[in-house]
Each structure stands twice: as C-alpha cells, then as structure tokens.
Amino acid sequence: MPETRLDLRDVPPPERHPKIFEAFEQLDSGERLTLVNDHEPTPLYHQMAAEVESFDAEAYTVDRVGPNEFVATLPKK
C-alpha cells in the first residue's frame, strides 16, 4: 500500500489539520497518509471519521514510539 508521510512536530498547531486534509485529499484510493506527531491525534481521528467519507476509520492505527512521538496511519478507502 503506497504511503505519504508528514512530520508535523515542527508545524504550528493551527496549520496541522489543513495540511493533513490537503495531503489526504491528494491520495488515491488504497493509499495511506502516515503522520508523525507530538501528541496522540484523537481529535483528528474523530474529525476525519465525521467529515471524510473516504477515510477508512476501521483500518486507522496509532502507535506511541517515544515520549513525544506518535505515528498515525490514515488509510483512504
């Protein structure tokens, strides 16, 4: 499954969700967007599940890989 990766740790918080939504929109069906973030992206998950029909919420994953590092995978149907 092809993957696009965004490291958001240095992106100002108000710019993160627009950047994520733009990158997700550019994906083709079956691709995924991987995010590296400084916190667990629970609000993003809920926003994506509510607003983006092509977001595959069932296949979403998030892993804590360090004290301030979370890696989330957002698959596109």
N, C-alpha and C. Protein backbone atom coordinates (compact mmCIF):
# COMPACT_ATOMS: atom_id res chain seq x y z
N MET A 1 0.85 -1.18 0.00
CA MET A 1 0.00 0.00 0.00
C MET A 1 0.90 1.24 0.00
N PRO A 2 0.79 2.09 -1.03
CA PRO A 2 1.61 3.31 -1.07
C PRO A 2 1.33 4.22 0.12
N GLU A 3 2.37 4.97 0.51
CA GLU A 3 2.28 5.78 1.71
C GLU A 3 2.86 7.17 1.47
N THR A 4 2.20 8.18 2.04
CA THR A 4 2.72 9.54 2.11
C THR A 4 2.96 9.82 3.58
N ARG A 5 4.07 10.45 3.91
CA ARG A 5 4.43 10.69 5.31
C ARG A 5 4.58 12.18 5.58
N LEU A 6 3.98 12.64 6.69
CA LEU A 6 4.10 14.03 7.12
C LEU A 6 4.61 14.04 8.56
N ASP A 7 5.66 14.80 8.81
CA ASP A 7 6.14 15.02 10.18
C ASP A 7 5.61 16.38 10.60
N LEU A 8 4.69 16.37 11.55
CA LEU A 8 4.00 17.59 11.96
C LEU A 8 4.59 18.23 13.21
N ARG A 9 5.60 17.66 13.78
CA ARG A 9 6.11 18.14 15.06
C ARG A 9 6.59 19.59 15.01
N ASP A 10 7.07 20.05 13.87
CA ASP A 10 7.54 21.44 13.76
C ASP A 10 6.53 22.35 13.07
N VAL A 11 5.36 21.83 12.77
CA VAL A 11 4.30 22.62 12.13
C VAL A 11 3.46 23.28 13.21
N PRO A 12 3.21 24.59 13.13
CA PRO A 12 2.37 25.24 14.15
C PRO A 12 0.99 24.58 14.21
N PRO A 13 0.47 24.36 15.42
CA PRO A 13 -0.82 23.66 15.57
C PRO A 13 -1.95 24.17 14.67
N PRO A 14 -2.14 25.47 14.48
CA PRO A 14 -3.25 25.90 13.62
C PRO A 14 -3.11 25.47 12.15
N GLU A 15 -1.89 25.11 11.74
CA GLU A 15 -1.64 24.73 10.35
C GLU A 15 -1.71 23.22 10.13
N ARG A 16 -1.78 22.44 11.19
CA ARG A 16 -1.68 20.99 11.06
C ARG A 16 -2.88 20.36 10.35
N HIS A 17 -4.09 20.59 10.83
CA HIS A 17 -5.25 19.93 10.23
C HIS A 17 -5.43 20.32 8.76
N PRO A 18 -5.31 21.60 8.39
CA PRO A 18 -5.42 21.91 6.95
C PRO A 18 -4.37 21.18 6.11
N LYS A 19 -3.16 21.08 6.62
CA LYS A 19 -2.10 20.39 5.89
C LYS A 19 -2.43 18.89 5.75
N ILE A 20 -2.96 18.30 6.82
CA ILE A 20 -3.33 16.88 6.79
C ILE A 20 -4.46 16.63 5.80
N PHE A 21 -5.50 17.46 5.87
CA PHE A 21 -6.64 17.27 4.98
C PHE A 21 -6.23 17.44 3.52
N GLU A 22 -5.36 18.39 3.25
CA GLU A 22 -4.88 18.60 1.87
C GLU A 22 -4.09 17.39 1.38
N ALA A 23 -3.20 16.87 2.22
CA ALA A 23 -2.40 15.70 1.83
C ALA A 23 -3.30 14.47 1.65
N PHE A 24 -4.28 14.28 2.53
CA PHE A 24 -5.17 13.14 2.43
C PHE A 24 -6.00 13.21 1.15
N GLU A 25 -6.44 14.40 0.80
CA GLU A 25 -7.24 14.57 -0.42
C GLU A 25 -6.45 14.18 -1.67
N GLN A 26 -5.14 14.37 -1.64
CA GLN A 26 -4.29 14.06 -2.80
C GLN A 26 -4.07 12.55 -2.99
N LEU A 27 -4.38 11.77 -1.96
CA LEU A 27 -4.16 10.31 -2.05
C LEU A 27 -5.17 9.66 -2.99
N ASP A 28 -4.75 8.57 -3.58
CA ASP A 28 -5.64 7.73 -4.35
C ASP A 28 -6.24 6.69 -3.42
N SER A 29 -7.33 6.10 -3.82
CA SER A 29 -7.95 5.02 -3.06
C SER A 29 -6.93 3.91 -2.83
N GLY A 30 -6.88 3.40 -1.60
CA GLY A 30 -5.93 2.34 -1.26
C GLY A 30 -4.61 2.84 -0.74
N GLU A 31 -4.36 4.14 -0.82
CA GLU A 31 -3.13 4.71 -0.28
C GLU A 31 -3.36 5.13 1.17
N ARG A 32 -2.28 5.49 1.85
CA ARG A 32 -2.42 5.91 3.25
C ARG A 32 -1.51 7.09 3.53
N LEU A 33 -1.92 7.86 4.52
CA LEU A 33 -1.15 9.01 4.99
C LEU A 33 -0.63 8.65 6.37
N THR A 34 0.69 8.74 6.54
CA THR A 34 1.29 8.46 7.84
C THR A 34 1.74 9.78 8.44
N LEU A 35 1.33 10.01 9.68
CA LEU A 35 1.64 11.24 10.39
C LEU A 35 2.57 10.96 11.55
N VAL A 36 3.54 11.84 11.75
CA VAL A 36 4.37 11.82 12.94
C VAL A 36 3.98 13.08 13.70
N ASN A 37 3.56 12.90 14.96
CA ASN A 37 3.01 14.00 15.72
C ASN A 37 3.58 13.98 17.14
N ASP A 38 3.45 15.11 17.85
CA ASP A 38 3.96 15.21 19.21
C ASP A 38 2.91 14.85 20.26
N HIS A 39 1.71 14.48 19.81
CA HIS A 39 0.64 14.04 20.71
C HIS A 39 -0.26 13.06 19.96
N GLU A 40 -1.03 12.31 20.71
CA GLU A 40 -1.95 11.36 20.08
C GLU A 40 -3.03 12.15 19.34
N PRO A 41 -3.25 11.85 18.07
CA PRO A 41 -4.17 12.65 17.25
C PRO A 41 -5.63 12.24 17.35
N THR A 42 -6.13 12.05 18.56
CA THR A 42 -7.52 11.63 18.75
C THR A 42 -8.53 12.62 18.16
N PRO A 43 -8.38 13.94 18.38
CA PRO A 43 -9.34 14.87 17.76
C PRO A 43 -9.34 14.79 16.23
N LEU A 44 -8.17 14.58 15.65
CA LEU A 44 -8.09 14.44 14.19
C LEU A 44 -8.85 13.19 13.74
N TYR A 45 -8.67 12.09 14.45
CA TYR A 45 -9.38 10.85 14.10
C TYR A 45 -10.89 11.11 14.06
N HIS A 46 -11.42 11.73 15.10
CA HIS A 46 -12.86 11.98 15.17
C HIS A 46 -13.33 12.92 14.07
N GLN A 47 -12.52 13.94 13.77
CA GLN A 47 -12.88 14.86 12.70
C GLN A 47 -12.87 14.15 11.35
N MET A 48 -11.85 13.34 11.10
CA MET A 48 -11.77 12.60 9.84
C MET A 48 -12.95 11.64 9.71
N ALA A 49 -13.26 10.91 10.78
CA ALA A 49 -14.35 9.93 10.74
C ALA A 49 -15.70 10.62 10.47
N ALA A 50 -15.87 11.81 10.99
CA ALA A 50 -17.15 12.53 10.84
C ALA A 50 -17.27 13.25 9.50
N GLU A 51 -16.15 13.70 8.95
CA GLU A 51 -16.22 14.60 7.80
C GLU A 51 -15.71 14.03 6.48
N VAL A 52 -14.91 12.97 6.52
CA VAL A 52 -14.26 12.48 5.30
C VAL A 52 -14.74 11.07 5.00
N GLU A 53 -15.63 10.96 4.03
CA GLU A 53 -16.23 9.67 3.69
C GLU A 53 -15.19 8.64 3.25
N SER A 54 -14.11 9.10 2.61
CA SER A 54 -13.11 8.17 2.09
C SER A 54 -12.09 7.73 3.15
N PHE A 55 -12.19 8.24 4.38
CA PHE A 55 -11.30 7.84 5.47
C PHE A 55 -11.72 6.46 5.98
N ASP A 56 -10.79 5.51 5.99
CA ASP A 56 -11.06 4.16 6.47
C ASP A 56 -10.78 4.09 7.97
N ALA A 57 -11.76 4.49 8.77
CA ALA A 57 -11.59 4.56 10.22
C ALA A 57 -11.28 3.20 10.84
N GLU A 58 -11.79 2.12 10.25
CA GLU A 58 -11.56 0.79 10.80
C GLU A 58 -10.10 0.35 10.66
N ALA A 59 -9.40 0.88 9.66
CA ALA A 59 -8.01 0.49 9.43
C ALA A 59 -7.01 1.51 10.01
N TYR A 60 -7.52 2.56 10.65
CA TYR A 60 -6.68 3.58 11.27
C TYR A 60 -5.86 2.96 12.39
N THR A 61 -4.60 3.37 12.50
CA THR A 61 -3.75 2.91 13.59
C THR A 61 -2.97 4.10 14.14
N VAL A 62 -2.60 4.00 15.41
CA VAL A 62 -1.71 4.99 16.02
C VAL A 62 -0.83 4.27 17.03
N ASP A 63 0.45 4.60 17.01
CA ASP A 63 1.42 3.98 17.92
C ASP A 63 2.25 5.08 18.58
N ARG A 64 2.46 4.91 19.87
CA ARG A 64 3.37 5.81 20.58
C ARG A 64 4.76 5.21 20.45
N VAL A 65 5.68 5.95 19.84
CA VAL A 65 7.03 5.42 19.62
C VAL A 65 8.07 6.14 20.47
N GLY A 66 7.64 7.15 21.20
CA GLY A 66 8.54 7.89 22.09
C GLY A 66 7.71 8.76 23.01
N PRO A 67 8.33 9.43 23.95
CA PRO A 67 7.58 10.24 24.90
C PRO A 67 6.75 11.34 24.23
N ASN A 68 7.25 11.91 23.16
CA ASN A 68 6.54 12.95 22.44
C ASN A 68 6.47 12.63 20.95
N GLU A 69 6.29 11.36 20.63
CA GLU A 69 6.24 10.96 19.22
C GLU A 69 5.19 9.88 19.04
N PHE A 70 4.20 10.21 18.22
CA PHE A 70 3.14 9.29 17.86
C PHE A 70 3.13 9.15 16.34
N VAL A 71 2.92 7.94 15.87
CA VAL A 71 2.83 7.69 14.43
C VAL A 71 1.43 7.14 14.15
N ALA A 72 0.69 7.89 13.34
CA ALA A 72 -0.68 7.50 12.99
C ALA A 72 -0.75 7.21 11.49
N THR A 73 -1.52 6.21 11.14
CA THR A 73 -1.72 5.84 9.73
C THR A 73 -3.20 6.05 9.40
N LEU A 74 -3.43 6.88 8.39
CA LEU A 74 -4.78 7.21 7.94
C LEU A 74 -4.98 6.62 6.55
N PRO A 75 -5.64 5.48 6.44
CA PRO A 75 -5.86 4.86 5.13
C PRO A 75 -7.05 5.48 4.40
N LYS A 76 -6.96 5.48 3.09
CA LYS A 76 -8.04 6.00 2.25
C LYS A 76 -8.73 4.84 1.55
N LYS A 77 -10.08 4.83 1.66
CA LYS A 77 -10.86 3.76 1.01
C LYS A 77 -10.75 3.89 -0.50
